[in-house]
Protein backbone atom coordinates (compact mmCIF):
# COMPACT_ATOMS: atom_id res chain seq x y z
CA MET A 1 0.00 0.00 0.00
CA VAL A 2 2.87 2.38 0.77
CA TRP A 3 4.25 1.80 -2.73
CA ILE A 4 0.90 2.64 -4.29
CA ASP A 5 0.64 5.77 -2.17
CA SER A 6 4.14 6.85 -3.26
CA LEU A 7 3.22 6.20 -6.90
CA LEU A 8 0.09 8.32 -6.65
CA ILE A 9 1.93 11.13 -4.87
CA ALA A 10 4.68 11.09 -7.51
CA PHE A 11 2.17 11.39 -10.33
CA SER A 12 0.25 14.13 -8.50
CA ILE A 13 3.46 16.16 -8.07
CA TYR A 14 5.21 15.58 -11.39
CA THR A 15 2.34 15.22 -13.89
CA ILE A 16 -1.09 16.63 -14.60
CA ILE A 17 -2.52 13.11 -14.86
CA PRO A 18 -5.51 12.93 -12.47
CA VAL A 19 -4.92 10.37 -9.71
CA PRO A 20 -6.50 9.69 -6.31
CA GLN A 21 -5.00 11.91 -3.64
CA ARG A 22 -2.97 10.52 -0.76
CA ARG A 23 -1.72 12.12 2.44
CA TRP A 24 1.77 13.55 2.15
CA ASP A 25 3.52 12.10 5.19
CA THR A 26 6.92 10.53 5.79
CA ILE A 27 5.58 7.02 5.26
CA ASN A 28 3.61 7.58 2.06
CA MET A 29 6.41 9.67 0.52
CA GLY A 30 9.14 7.14 1.26
CA TYR A 31 9.36 5.88 -2.33
CA VAL A 32 8.22 8.89 -4.38
CA PHE A 33 11.57 9.13 -6.15
CA ALA A 34 11.22 5.52 -7.30
CA PHE A 35 8.32 6.65 -9.49
CA LEU A 36 9.77 9.93 -10.77
CA PRO A 37 11.15 8.12 -13.86
CA ALA A 38 7.74 6.50 -14.44
CA ALA A 39 6.11 9.93 -14.30
CA GLY A 40 8.59 11.13 -16.89
CA ALA A 41 7.87 8.16 -19.15
CA ALA A 42 4.13 8.82 -18.87
CA THR A 43 4.43 12.48 -19.84
CA ALA A 44 6.80 11.68 -22.72
CA PHE A 45 4.39 8.99 -23.92
CA LEU A 46 1.54 11.48 -23.88
CA SER A 47 3.63 13.93 -25.92
CA TRP A 48 4.45 11.18 -28.44
CA THR A 49 0.77 10.20 -28.66
CA VAL A 50 -0.50 13.74 -29.24
CA ALA A 51 2.14 14.45 -31.88
CA GLY A 52 1.38 11.11 -33.53
CA LEU A 53 -2.31 11.92 -33.70
CA ALA A 54 -1.49 15.28 -35.26
CA SER A 55 0.59 13.52 -37.93
CA LEU A 56 -2.24 11.07 -38.61
CA ALA A 57 -4.53 14.05 -39.05
CA GLY A 58 -2.30 15.28 -41.85
CA MET A 59 -0.48 18.03 -39.99
CA GLY A 60 3.10 18.81 -40.96
CA GLU A 61 6.50 18.53 -39.28
CA MET A 62 6.37 22.01 -37.80
CA VAL A 63 3.19 21.18 -35.89
CA ARG A 64 4.76 17.94 -34.68
CA ALA A 65 7.85 19.83 -33.49
CA ALA A 66 5.67 22.41 -31.74
CA LEU A 67 3.71 19.69 -29.95
CA ALA A 68 6.96 17.94 -29.03
CA THR A 69 8.13 21.21 -27.45
CA ALA A 70 4.91 22.02 -25.61
CA GLY A 71 4.00 18.48 -24.53
CA PRO A 72 6.70 17.91 -21.87
CA ILE A 73 5.87 21.28 -20.30
CA VAL A 74 2.10 20.89 -20.42
CA PHE A 75 1.91 17.28 -19.19
CA THR A 76 4.26 17.90 -16.26
CA GLY A 77 2.28 20.98 -15.25
CA GLY A 78 5.43 23.00 -15.91
CA ILE A 79 7.03 21.92 -12.63
CA HIS A 80 10.43 21.14 -14.14
CA PHE A 81 10.39 24.10 -16.51
CA ASP A 82 9.57 26.38 -13.57
CA GLY A 83 12.75 25.14 -11.91
CA PHE A 84 14.71 25.83 -15.09
CA ILE A 85 13.38 29.39 -15.24
CA ASP A 86 14.14 30.11 -11.58
CA THR A 87 17.65 28.68 -11.87
CA VAL A 88 18.45 30.72 -14.97
CA ASP A 89 17.29 33.85 -13.15
CA ALA A 90 19.48 33.04 -10.13
CA LEU A 91 22.57 32.15 -12.16
CA SER A 92 22.25 35.22 -14.35
CA SER A 93 22.16 37.52 -11.33
CA ARG A 94 25.85 36.76 -10.61
CA ARG A 95 25.20 37.44 -6.93
CA ASP A 96 26.46 35.53 -3.90
CA MET A 97 25.11 32.09 -2.99
CA GLU A 98 22.61 33.29 -0.40
CA ARG A 99 21.16 35.87 -2.78
CA LYS A 100 20.90 33.29 -5.58
CA LEU A 101 18.83 31.03 -3.32
CA GLU A 102 16.57 33.97 -2.47
CA ILE A 103 16.08 34.75 -6.16
CA MET A 104 15.08 31.15 -6.82
CA LYS A 105 12.33 31.47 -4.20
CA ASP A 106 11.04 34.77 -5.60
CA PRO A 107 7.70 34.15 -7.40
CA HIS A 108 8.35 37.04 -9.80
CA VAL A 109 9.87 36.35 -13.21
CA GLY A 110 12.95 38.33 -14.14
CA ALA A 111 14.20 39.40 -17.55
CA PHE A 112 16.89 36.72 -17.57
CA ALA A 113 14.29 34.03 -16.92
CA VAL A 114 12.15 35.21 -19.85
CA THR A 115 15.17 35.34 -22.13
CA GLY A 116 16.46 31.94 -21.03
CA SER A 117 13.11 30.21 -21.37
CA SER A 118 12.54 31.73 -24.82
CA ILE A 119 15.93 30.55 -26.04
CA TYR A 120 15.32 27.09 -24.58
CA MET A 121 11.99 26.67 -26.32
CA MET A 122 13.33 27.91 -29.66
CA LEU A 123 16.22 25.45 -29.44
CA TYR A 124 13.94 22.58 -28.40
CA PHE A 125 11.57 23.32 -31.28
CA ALA A 126 14.39 23.52 -33.84
CA LEU A 127 16.05 20.33 -32.58
CA SER A 128 12.73 18.47 -32.53
CA TYR A 129 12.17 19.48 -36.14
CA GLU A 130 15.68 18.39 -37.15
CA ALA A 131 15.63 15.13 -35.22
CA GLY A 132 12.41 13.97 -36.86
CA SER A 133 9.48 11.97 -35.58
CA ARG A 134 11.64 9.12 -34.23
CA ALA A 135 13.08 11.44 -31.60
CA LEU A 136 9.68 11.71 -29.94
CA LEU A 137 9.68 7.97 -29.34
CA LEU A 138 13.28 8.06 -28.12
CA MET A 139 12.39 10.79 -25.64
CA ILE A 140 10.35 8.26 -23.66
CA PRO A 141 13.42 6.32 -22.38
CA ALA A 142 15.35 9.61 -22.38
CA ALA A 143 12.84 11.06 -19.92
CA VAL A 144 13.42 8.05 -17.67
CA VAL A 145 17.20 8.48 -17.86
CA SER A 146 17.05 12.19 -16.98
CA ARG A 147 14.80 11.62 -13.99
CA ALA A 148 16.68 8.60 -12.67
CA LEU A 149 19.88 10.65 -12.72
CA CYS A 150 18.08 13.60 -11.14
CA ALA A 151 16.57 11.57 -8.29
CA PHE A 152 19.88 9.79 -7.62
CA THR A 153 21.66 13.15 -7.43
CA ALA A 154 18.99 14.65 -5.17
CA LEU A 155 19.46 11.78 -2.74
CA THR A 156 23.25 12.13 -2.84
CA LEU A 157 23.84 15.88 -2.65
CA LYS A 158 22.95 17.81 0.48
CA SER A 159 19.91 20.07 0.36
CA ALA A 160 20.84 23.70 -0.20
CA ARG A 161 17.54 24.89 1.24
CA LYS A 162 15.70 23.27 4.12
CA GLY A 163 11.95 22.99 4.10
CA GLY A 164 11.42 23.00 0.33
CA MET A 165 9.52 20.30 -1.57
CA LEU A 166 12.69 18.49 -2.60
CA ASP A 167 14.02 18.51 0.95
CA THR A 168 10.68 17.12 2.17
CA VAL A 169 10.75 14.25 -0.33
CA VAL A 170 14.43 13.50 0.32
CA SER A 171 13.94 13.49 4.09
CA ALA A 172 11.14 10.94 3.79
CA SER A 173 13.02 8.70 1.33
CA ASP A 174 14.26 5.20 1.99
CA ARG A 175 17.66 5.87 0.43
CA ALA A 176 19.07 2.35 0.34
CA VAL A 177 16.09 0.95 -1.55
CA LEU A 178 15.81 3.97 -3.83
CA TYR A 179 19.48 3.86 -4.84
CA PHE A 180 19.01 0.26 -5.98
CA ILE A 181 15.78 1.01 -7.87
CA LEU A 182 17.09 4.15 -9.53
CA CYS A 183 20.29 2.47 -10.67
CA GLY A 184 18.32 -0.40 -12.18
CA THR A 185 15.78 1.91 -13.79
CA GLY A 186 18.43 4.25 -15.19
CA ILE A 187 20.54 1.44 -16.65
CA ALA A 188 17.50 -0.26 -18.20
CA ALA A 189 16.30 3.00 -19.76
CA ALA A 190 19.79 3.82 -21.06
CA ALA A 191 20.00 0.35 -22.62
CA ALA A 192 16.57 0.82 -24.23
CA LEU A 193 17.60 4.23 -25.56
CA MET A 194 20.74 2.77 -27.14
CA LEU A 195 18.90 -0.24 -28.60
CA MET A 196 16.14 1.94 -30.05
CA GLY A 197 18.35 4.80 -31.21
CA GLY A 198 21.61 3.10 -32.07
CA LEU A 199 24.47 5.58 -32.28
CA SER A 200 22.22 8.57 -31.60
CA GLY A 201 20.86 6.81 -28.51
CA ALA A 202 24.36 6.09 -27.24
CA ALA A 203 25.34 9.71 -27.86
CA ALA A 204 22.24 10.84 -25.94
CA VAL A 205 23.18 8.70 -22.94
CA ALA A 206 26.72 10.11 -22.99
CA ALA A 207 25.30 13.64 -23.19
CA ALA A 208 23.09 13.02 -20.15
CA LEU A 209 26.06 11.78 -18.11
CA LEU A 210 28.26 14.70 -19.15
CA THR A 211 25.46 17.12 -18.32
CA LEU A 212 25.16 15.50 -14.89
CA ILE A 213 28.88 15.97 -14.18
CA ALA A 214 28.74 19.64 -15.15
CA PHE A 215 25.50 20.14 -13.23
CA VAL A 216 26.83 18.66 -9.97
CA ARG A 217 29.86 20.94 -10.09
CA MET A 218 27.65 23.96 -10.75
CA ALA A 219 25.13 23.08 -8.02
CA LYS A 220 27.85 22.72 -5.39
CA ARG A 221 29.75 25.85 -6.39
CA GLN A 222 26.84 28.19 -7.07
CA PHE A 223 24.19 26.99 -4.59
CA GLY A 224 25.91 24.77 -2.04
CA GLY A 225 23.78 21.73 -2.85
CA MET A 226 20.49 20.63 -4.40
CA THR A 227 17.07 22.27 -4.53
CA GLY A 228 13.81 21.44 -6.28
CA ASP A 229 14.43 24.20 -8.82
CA LEU A 230 17.86 22.79 -9.60
CA ALA A 231 16.31 19.35 -10.09
CA GLY A 232 13.95 20.81 -12.69
CA PHE A 233 16.84 22.68 -14.30
CA PHE A 234 18.81 19.46 -14.68
CA ILE A 235 15.89 17.53 -16.18
CA GLN A 236 15.21 20.24 -18.76
CA LEU A 237 18.88 20.75 -19.64
CA SER A 238 19.75 17.05 -19.89
CA GLU A 239 16.77 16.38 -22.15
CA LEU A 240 17.74 19.29 -24.39
CA MET A 241 21.27 17.90 -24.65
CA MET A 242 19.95 14.42 -25.45
CA LEU A 243 17.68 15.86 -28.12
CA LEU A 244 20.67 17.72 -29.56
CA CYS A 245 22.48 14.41 -29.95
CA MET A 246 19.44 12.84 -31.64
CA ALA A 247 19.37 15.71 -34.13
CA ALA A 248 23.14 15.71 -34.75
CA VAL A 249 23.74 11.94 -34.88
CA LYS A 250 21.28 10.12 -37.13
C-alpha cells in the first residue's frame, strides 16, 4: 500500500494526470523518487501520442515539433520548466550564494528568466524538427534516464535549502532501496535508448552523463547543494542535450 501511495503522490506532483490523492507524510512519501522516472515516461508517452495523432490528421512537421516542445511542459504541469526558469534567473544575477537562493524562491519572473526560457523553447523546437518523428519515441526512455539521474543526485547531494519540496521528499526517502531502484531503472532506460536509437541513442546517454557531471559541479559551487528548482533545471537541460544528440547523430 505504501508503494501505491508513493506512486500516486509522484504522479500528483510531477504530472497533470488525475490520480486519487494521498496524504503527504513521511511514510507515504518514502518511495516517491522511485516513481519519478515513471512519471517522466508517462508524460513523454503522452507527448508522443498527441504528436502522432497530429501527424495522422495530416499536420506537418512544424506542428509535430511544436507539440513535441509544448507536450513535456504541459503534461508535467510546468514543474520542471519552472525550476529551469528560476535557476536561470538566479545564475544570471551573478550574486552571492545566499542571494541566488533567495532569487530562486522569488515568485516574480525576471528578464533573464524570460530570455532563457525563450531561447530554450526555440532550441527545443528547432532540434525536434531536425531530429524527426523518431526522436519523440526516443524521448520516452530519455525522460526516464534524466529523472533517474536527477533523483539519484537529489538523494546524494545535500539540500541547499531546508523545508522545500525536494528537501521534504528526500527526508522521507528510503535511500538504500531507492538507490538500488534508480540504478536499475536508469541502466534499463539507457539500454533501451541505445537499442532503439543506435548511435544517436548512445550519444544521448553520454550527453546526459556529461550534463550530470557539469551540473553537480555547478550546483555545489553556485548553490551549495540541491534544490527542487535545480532538479527541474537538470531535467530540462539534460533532455535538451539528449535531443541535440538525436538531431546531430542520425
